[in-house]
Protein backbone atom coordinates (compact mmCIF):
# COMPACT_ATOMS: atom_id res chain seq x y z
CA MET A 1 74.66 78.32 -38.25
CA THR A 2 71.80 75.93 -37.67
CA THR A 3 71.46 72.40 -38.81
CA PRO A 4 68.34 71.16 -40.61
CA TYR A 5 67.33 69.16 -37.50
CA GLN A 6 67.50 72.26 -35.30
CA HIS A 7 65.45 74.26 -37.79
CA GLN A 8 62.65 71.69 -37.72
CA SER A 9 62.50 71.56 -33.93
CA GLN A 10 61.97 75.32 -33.55
CA ALA A 11 58.41 76.59 -33.71
CA PRO A 12 57.73 79.24 -36.37
CA VAL A 13 57.32 82.84 -35.07
CA PRO A 14 54.37 84.72 -36.46
CA PRO A 15 55.17 88.08 -38.02
CA GLN A 16 54.57 91.17 -35.88
CA GLY A 17 52.99 94.23 -37.26
CA PRO A 18 53.46 97.77 -36.20
CA GLN A 19 50.72 97.42 -33.65
CA GLY A 20 52.44 94.60 -31.69
CA PRO A 21 51.57 90.98 -31.31
CA PRO A 22 48.02 89.85 -32.13
CA GLN A 23 45.43 89.82 -29.38
CA GLY A 24 44.13 86.49 -28.07
CA PRO A 25 45.27 83.63 -25.99
CA PRO A 26 48.89 82.88 -26.19
CA GLN A 27 49.73 80.08 -28.54
CA THR A 28 51.89 77.37 -27.22
CA ALA A 29 54.10 75.09 -29.16
CA PRO A 30 52.60 71.70 -29.91
CA GLN A 31 53.78 69.00 -27.59
CA ALA A 32 55.32 65.88 -28.87
CA ALA A 33 52.97 62.87 -29.04
CA PRO A 34 53.43 60.47 -26.19
CA GLN A 35 55.31 57.38 -27.06
CA MET A 36 53.26 54.14 -26.88
CA PRO A 37 54.75 51.34 -24.84
CA PRO A 38 56.10 48.45 -26.78
CA GLN A 39 53.39 45.94 -27.60
CA ALA A 40 53.56 42.23 -27.70
CA PRO A 41 53.91 40.62 -31.07
CA HIS A 42 50.43 39.12 -30.94
CA GLN A 43 48.70 42.46 -30.25
CA ALA A 44 47.70 44.67 -33.13
CA ALA A 45 49.02 48.18 -33.32
CA PRO A 46 46.67 50.95 -32.27
CA HIS A 47 46.54 52.40 -35.73
CA GLN A 48 45.58 49.02 -37.21
CA ALA A 49 41.87 48.32 -37.44
CA ALA A 50 40.51 45.26 -35.62
CA PRO A 51 39.44 42.45 -37.90
CA HIS A 52 35.74 42.47 -38.66
CA HIS A 53 33.83 39.34 -37.63
CA PRO A 54 30.24 39.11 -38.76
CA ALA A 55 27.70 38.66 -35.92
CA PRO A 56 26.13 35.16 -35.76
CA GLN A 57 22.66 35.02 -37.13
CA THR A 58 19.99 33.26 -35.08
CA TYR A 59 16.79 31.76 -36.41
CA GLN A 60 13.66 33.08 -34.82
CA GLN A 61 10.53 30.97 -35.10
CA PRO A 62 7.62 32.99 -36.39
CA VAL A 63 5.05 33.64 -33.67
CA PRO A 64 1.45 32.87 -34.69
CA SER A 65 -0.77 35.86 -34.78
CA ARG A 66 -3.73 34.08 -33.12
CA PRO A 67 -4.01 33.95 -29.31
CA PRO A 68 -2.37 30.87 -27.70
CA SER A 69 -5.63 29.85 -26.06
CA GLN A 70 -7.25 29.15 -29.42
CA PRO A 71 -6.43 25.83 -31.14
CA TYR A 72 -4.52 25.88 -34.34
CA ALA A 73 -6.47 25.79 -37.54
CA GLY A 74 -7.08 22.31 -38.80
CA MET A 75 -6.43 20.61 -35.38
CA GLY A 76 -9.15 19.35 -33.08
CA PRO A 77 -9.04 18.88 -29.29
CA TYR A 78 -6.26 16.76 -27.75
CA THR A 79 -6.91 13.04 -27.65
CA SER A 80 -4.84 10.82 -25.36
CA PRO A 81 -3.21 7.82 -27.08
CA ILE A 82 -3.90 5.80 -23.89
CA PRO A 83 -7.45 4.42 -23.82
CA VAL A 84 -9.48 6.10 -21.08
CA ARG A 85 -12.35 4.21 -19.51
CA ARG A 86 -14.32 4.36 -16.30
CA THR A 87 -13.05 2.25 -13.44
CA HIS A 88 -15.20 -0.25 -11.62
CA LEU A 89 -15.03 -2.75 -8.76
CA GLY A 90 -13.09 -5.22 -10.91
CA ASN A 91 -10.16 -2.79 -11.17
CA ALA A 92 -10.11 -2.37 -7.38
CA LEU A 93 -10.21 -6.15 -6.94
CA ALA A 94 -7.26 -6.57 -9.32
CA SER A 95 -5.31 -3.90 -7.42
CA GLU A 96 -5.96 -5.46 -4.02
CA TRP A 97 -5.11 -8.92 -5.30
CA THR A 98 -1.79 -7.61 -6.62
CA LYS A 99 -1.00 -6.01 -3.26
CA ILE A 100 -2.00 -8.93 -1.05
CA LYS A 101 -0.07 -11.51 -3.08
CA SER A 102 3.08 -9.39 -3.35
CA VAL A 103 3.45 -8.88 0.43
CA ARG A 104 5.62 -11.41 2.23
CA SER A 105 3.47 -11.40 5.37
CA THR A 106 0.59 -12.91 3.39
CA ILE A 107 2.63 -15.89 2.25
CA TRP A 108 4.18 -16.47 5.66
CA THR A 109 0.92 -16.12 7.59
CA LEU A 110 -1.10 -18.37 5.32
CA GLY A 111 1.77 -20.85 5.13
CA ILE A 112 2.02 -21.08 8.91
CA MET A 113 -1.76 -21.49 9.19
CA ALA A 114 -1.79 -24.31 6.64
CA ALA A 115 1.21 -25.94 8.34
CA LEU A 116 -0.56 -25.86 11.71
CA VAL A 117 -3.82 -27.26 10.38
CA LEU A 118 -2.17 -29.96 8.27
CA GLY A 119 0.70 -30.79 10.63
CA ILE A 120 -1.29 -31.03 13.87
CA GLY A 121 -4.24 -32.72 12.15
CA LEU A 122 -2.15 -35.42 10.51
CA LEU A 123 -0.14 -35.91 13.69
CA VAL A 124 -3.30 -36.47 15.73
CA SER A 125 -4.70 -38.79 13.10
CA ALA A 126 -1.48 -40.82 12.99
CA THR A 127 -1.26 -41.23 16.77
CA THR A 128 -4.86 -42.43 17.25
CA ASN A 129 -6.39 -45.87 16.70
CA ASP A 130 -9.54 -47.00 14.96
CA ALA A 131 -11.15 -47.71 18.31
CA ASP A 132 -10.96 -44.01 19.18
CA TYR A 133 -13.46 -43.18 16.43
CA ARG A 134 -16.33 -45.42 17.52
CA THR A 135 -18.35 -42.43 18.71
CA LEU A 136 -16.30 -39.57 17.29
CA PRO A 137 -16.14 -38.62 13.63
CA THR A 138 -12.89 -39.22 11.78
CA THR A 139 -12.86 -35.53 10.81
CA LEU A 140 -11.99 -34.62 14.40
CA PRO A 141 -8.16 -34.21 13.95
CA GLY A 142 -8.66 -31.00 11.98
CA PHE A 143 -10.18 -29.33 15.06
CA PHE A 144 -6.89 -29.13 16.98
CA GLY A 145 -4.97 -27.44 14.20
CA THR A 146 -7.82 -24.97 13.56
CA LEU A 147 -7.67 -23.69 17.15
CA LEU A 148 -4.18 -22.33 16.49
CA GLY A 149 -4.57 -21.62 12.79
CA GLN A 150 -7.39 -19.13 13.40
CA LEU A 151 -4.94 -16.81 15.16
CA CYS A 152 -2.92 -16.54 11.94
CA ILE A 153 -6.02 -15.56 9.96
CA VAL A 154 -6.90 -12.96 12.61
CA THR A 155 -3.43 -11.43 12.37
CA LEU A 156 -3.51 -11.38 8.58
CA GLY A 157 -6.94 -9.73 8.54
CA VAL A 158 -5.63 -6.87 10.66
CA LEU A 159 -2.45 -6.41 8.61
CA VAL A 160 -4.32 -6.26 5.29
CA ILE A 161 -5.44 -2.71 6.06
CA THR A 162 -3.38 -1.45 9.02
CA SER A 163 -0.09 -1.99 7.19
CA GLU A 164 -1.11 0.67 4.64
CA TYR A 165 -1.96 3.10 7.42
CA GLY A 166 1.40 2.43 9.05
CA THR A 167 3.41 3.09 5.88
CA GLY A 168 1.20 5.91 4.55
CA MET A 169 0.36 4.01 1.36
CA ILE A 170 -3.33 4.37 2.16
CA ARG A 171 -3.10 7.94 0.79
CA THR A 172 -1.84 6.61 -2.55
CA THR A 173 -4.57 3.95 -2.59
CA LEU A 174 -7.36 6.43 -1.93
CA THR A 175 -5.90 8.90 -4.43
CA ALA A 176 -5.94 6.26 -7.15
CA SER A 177 -9.43 5.16 -6.11
CA PRO A 178 -11.27 8.10 -4.51
CA GLN A 179 -14.35 5.97 -3.78
CA ARG A 180 -13.33 4.72 -0.35
CA SER A 181 -16.19 2.25 0.02
CA ARG A 182 -15.00 0.52 -3.15
CA VAL A 183 -11.50 0.13 -1.71
CA LEU A 184 -12.76 -1.42 1.53
CA THR A 185 -15.13 -3.70 -0.38
CA ALA A 186 -12.30 -4.92 -2.61
CA LYS A 187 -10.05 -5.60 0.39
CA ALA A 188 -12.81 -7.52 2.17
CA LEU A 189 -13.70 -9.66 -0.86
CA VAL A 190 -10.11 -10.51 -1.77
CA PHE A 191 -9.14 -11.35 1.80
CA PHE A 192 -12.27 -13.40 2.51
CA ALA A 193 -11.90 -15.41 -0.69
CA LEU A 194 -8.21 -16.10 -0.03
CA SER A 195 -8.63 -17.06 3.63
CA PHE A 196 -11.73 -19.21 3.00
CA THR A 197 -10.07 -21.08 0.15
CA THR A 198 -6.85 -21.75 2.07
CA THR A 199 -8.60 -22.81 5.28
CA THR A 200 -11.22 -24.99 3.62
CA VAL A 201 -8.68 -26.77 1.41
CA SER A 202 -6.41 -27.46 4.39
CA LEU A 203 -9.30 -28.80 6.48
CA ALA A 204 -10.54 -30.94 3.59
CA LEU A 205 -7.09 -32.50 3.16
CA VAL A 206 -6.91 -33.36 6.85
CA ALA A 207 -10.48 -34.72 6.90
CA TYR A 208 -10.09 -37.02 3.93
CA ALA A 209 -6.61 -38.11 5.00
CA SER A 210 -7.96 -39.05 8.42
CA MET A 211 -10.91 -40.87 6.85
CA GLY A 212 -8.48 -42.87 4.74
CA MET A 213 -6.24 -43.72 7.68
CA HIS A 214 -9.11 -44.88 9.90
CA SER A 215 -11.67 -47.06 8.23
CA GLY A 216 -13.20 -50.36 9.14
CA PRO A 217 -16.04 -51.97 11.03
CA GLU A 218 -15.03 -50.35 14.32
CA VAL A 219 -15.02 -46.83 12.84
CA THR A 220 -18.19 -44.79 12.46
CA GLU A 221 -18.28 -43.25 9.04
CA PRO A 222 -18.90 -39.48 9.20
CA THR A 223 -22.13 -38.17 7.74
CA SER A 224 -22.35 -35.51 5.07
CA ASP A 225 -23.34 -32.92 7.68
CA GLN A 226 -20.28 -33.74 9.74
CA ILE A 227 -17.98 -33.48 6.73
CA LEU A 228 -19.61 -30.21 5.68
CA GLY A 229 -19.25 -28.73 9.18
CA ALA A 230 -15.62 -29.85 9.54
CA THR A 231 -14.59 -28.34 6.20
CA VAL A 232 -16.87 -25.60 4.85
CA GLY A 233 -18.39 -24.66 8.20
CA ALA A 234 -15.06 -24.33 9.98
CA GLY A 235 -13.59 -22.51 6.98
CA LEU A 236 -16.45 -20.00 7.04
CA TYR A 237 -16.08 -19.44 10.78
CA VAL A 238 -12.34 -18.78 10.60
CA SER A 239 -12.74 -16.53 7.54
CA LEU A 240 -15.45 -14.50 9.26
CA LEU A 241 -13.12 -14.03 12.21
CA GLY A 242 -10.50 -12.71 9.79
CA LEU A 243 -13.05 -10.40 8.18
CA LEU A 244 -14.01 -9.11 11.62
CA SER A 245 -10.32 -8.45 12.24
CA LEU A 246 -10.14 -6.44 9.00
CA ALA A 247 -13.10 -4.32 10.13
CA VAL A 248 -11.51 -3.72 13.55
CA GLY A 249 -8.26 -2.75 11.82
CA ALA A 250 -10.11 -0.24 9.63
CA ILE A 251 -11.73 1.25 12.73
CA LEU A 252 -8.61 1.45 14.92
CA ARG A 253 -6.04 2.00 12.09
CA HIS A 254 -3.28 0.57 14.29
CA SER A 255 -1.79 -2.90 13.96
CA ALA A 256 -0.90 -3.61 17.59
CA GLY A 257 -4.17 -2.24 18.95
CA ALA A 258 -6.32 -4.15 16.47
CA ILE A 259 -4.47 -7.46 17.00
CA THR A 260 -4.74 -7.10 20.78
CA THR A 261 -8.46 -6.37 20.50
CA MET A 262 -9.08 -9.42 18.33
CA LEU A 263 -7.09 -11.68 20.64
CA GLY A 264 -9.38 -10.52 23.43
CA VAL A 265 -12.44 -11.25 21.29
CA VAL A 266 -11.19 -14.79 20.58
CA LEU A 267 -9.74 -15.73 23.97
CA LEU A 268 -11.76 -13.78 26.53
CA PRO A 269 -15.13 -15.57 25.98
CA ALA A 270 -13.36 -18.88 26.56
CA ILE A 271 -11.66 -17.79 29.81
CA LEU A 272 -14.13 -15.42 31.46
CA PRO A 273 -17.05 -17.91 31.89
CA ALA A 274 -14.97 -19.88 34.41
CA PHE A 275 -15.17 -16.88 36.74
CA LEU A 276 -18.73 -15.89 35.87
CA MET A 277 -20.12 -19.31 36.76
CA MET A 278 -18.92 -18.88 40.33
CA SER A 279 -21.76 -16.41 40.85
CA ASP A 280 -25.36 -17.60 40.74
CA SER A 281 -26.57 -14.37 39.17
CA LEU A 282 -23.96 -14.48 36.36
CA ARG A 283 -24.02 -18.22 35.71
CA ASP A 284 -26.42 -18.00 32.77
CA LEU A 285 -24.33 -15.25 31.19
CA GLY A 286 -21.22 -17.37 31.59
CA ARG A 287 -22.86 -20.39 29.95
CA LYS A 288 -24.08 -18.34 27.00
CA MET A 289 -20.68 -16.73 26.57
CA LEU A 290 -18.99 -20.12 26.67
CA GLU A 291 -21.43 -21.50 24.11
CA TYR A 292 -20.59 -18.76 21.62
CA SER A 293 -16.86 -18.70 22.27
CA SER A 294 -14.51 -19.61 19.47
CA PRO A 295 -13.34 -23.03 20.78
CA GLN A 296 -16.89 -24.11 21.58
CA SER A 297 -18.20 -22.93 18.21
CA LEU A 298 -15.54 -24.90 16.36
CA ALA A 299 -16.24 -27.95 18.52
CA SER A 300 -19.90 -27.71 17.55
CA LEU A 301 -19.01 -27.49 13.87
CA PHE A 302 -16.77 -30.57 14.16
CA ARG A 303 -19.52 -32.43 16.08
CA ILE A 304 -17.23 -33.45 18.93
CA ASP A 305 -20.13 -33.99 21.33
CA GLU A 306 -23.58 -35.21 20.42
CA GLY A 307 -25.08 -32.87 22.99
CA LEU A 308 -23.81 -29.82 21.15
CA ASN A 309 -25.76 -28.11 18.42
CA SER A 310 -24.68 -28.13 14.80
CA GLY A 311 -22.61 -24.94 15.15
CA TRP A 312 -24.57 -22.97 12.57
CA PRO A 313 -26.21 -20.67 15.21
CA GLN A 314 -22.72 -19.59 16.36
CA LEU A 315 -21.74 -19.08 12.74
CA SER A 316 -24.81 -16.90 12.15
CA ALA A 317 -24.11 -14.84 15.27
CA LEU A 318 -20.53 -14.24 14.13
CA ALA A 319 -21.80 -13.18 10.70
CA VAL A 320 -24.10 -10.58 12.31
CA VAL A 321 -21.29 -9.17 14.48
CA THR A 322 -18.96 -9.02 11.47
CA ALA A 323 -21.58 -7.20 9.38
CA ALA A 324 -22.08 -4.61 12.14
CA ALA A 325 -18.33 -4.04 12.41
CA MET A 326 -18.03 -3.64 8.62
CA ILE A 327 -20.84 -1.04 8.59
CA ALA A 328 -19.01 0.92 11.28
CA ALA A 329 -15.78 0.66 9.29
CA TYR A 330 -17.51 1.99 6.14
CA ALA A 331 -18.99 4.94 8.06
CA LEU A 332 -15.69 5.91 9.71
CA LEU A 333 -13.70 5.53 6.51
CA GLU A 334 -15.94 8.04 4.73
CA LYS A 335 -15.96 10.47 7.65
CA ARG A 336 -12.34 10.58 8.81
CA ASP A 337 -9.29 11.95 7.06
CA VAL A 338 -6.40 9.73 6.12
């Protein structure tokens, strides 16, 4: 006797005819379905369908049908909101003035030069008597401070341009202003105006202070030519020396080399004639070199000795040498790479 559970577990037997079992592959009893492992409570059963989440919709901007190279209809060419205008020398002058006044070396160098001219000049004027100016002009005290102050102007003239070569900022300057001659012209004008103004004002203060401290019947009043030579003339000479230093710095493009060269230009003509005059054949050369040296040229401008000339020939000679050096600097700046 079979139970209902046993009857369900047995596979049914197909009926057999008189000819035997049917041909074909043997049929096997269906296997029981594999049991699924227990699932965690948070997992859905396999027979349950996954919840349907709609795909996020993205907004696509319509692409214009016209080629991108053609401007859109109704729009003209692009116009910059910043006003565009052609640059000129005034822009280069403003740029160089901004640079030269924002560098600390400019303030220190010009300050030391003014302190030397004013300090030494007033000290000499205070330690002399009225009797010392019977044959000498009262503008003489400014001469001693100018001898040392000119070295400061020479150093500053070199640093105005060689400092940019040392830091590499000359590339930025020439990129902003591709016309190189304009850049050098702006540097020369700004530096010359600044050095001439500072030197002339300092010399004028010393001259008029000395004239006020020494006055009377025993003192010879200076003439207008003597005052002009001791102020404007000396200021021009020192400024031209600084401009020559700027040209040498543009040629050499190295601070130490250019300063050393200019120190030789200033000091060598004053020292070398002492050796040249020992030879009879070189004596005339030594005298001419001494006449056009920096100390002798300044002494002529200050009218220290009546036998000296007015100093304007030395000033003209220095102007010619400075112009030749500036022409060479212009030519090399256009030819060489930075």
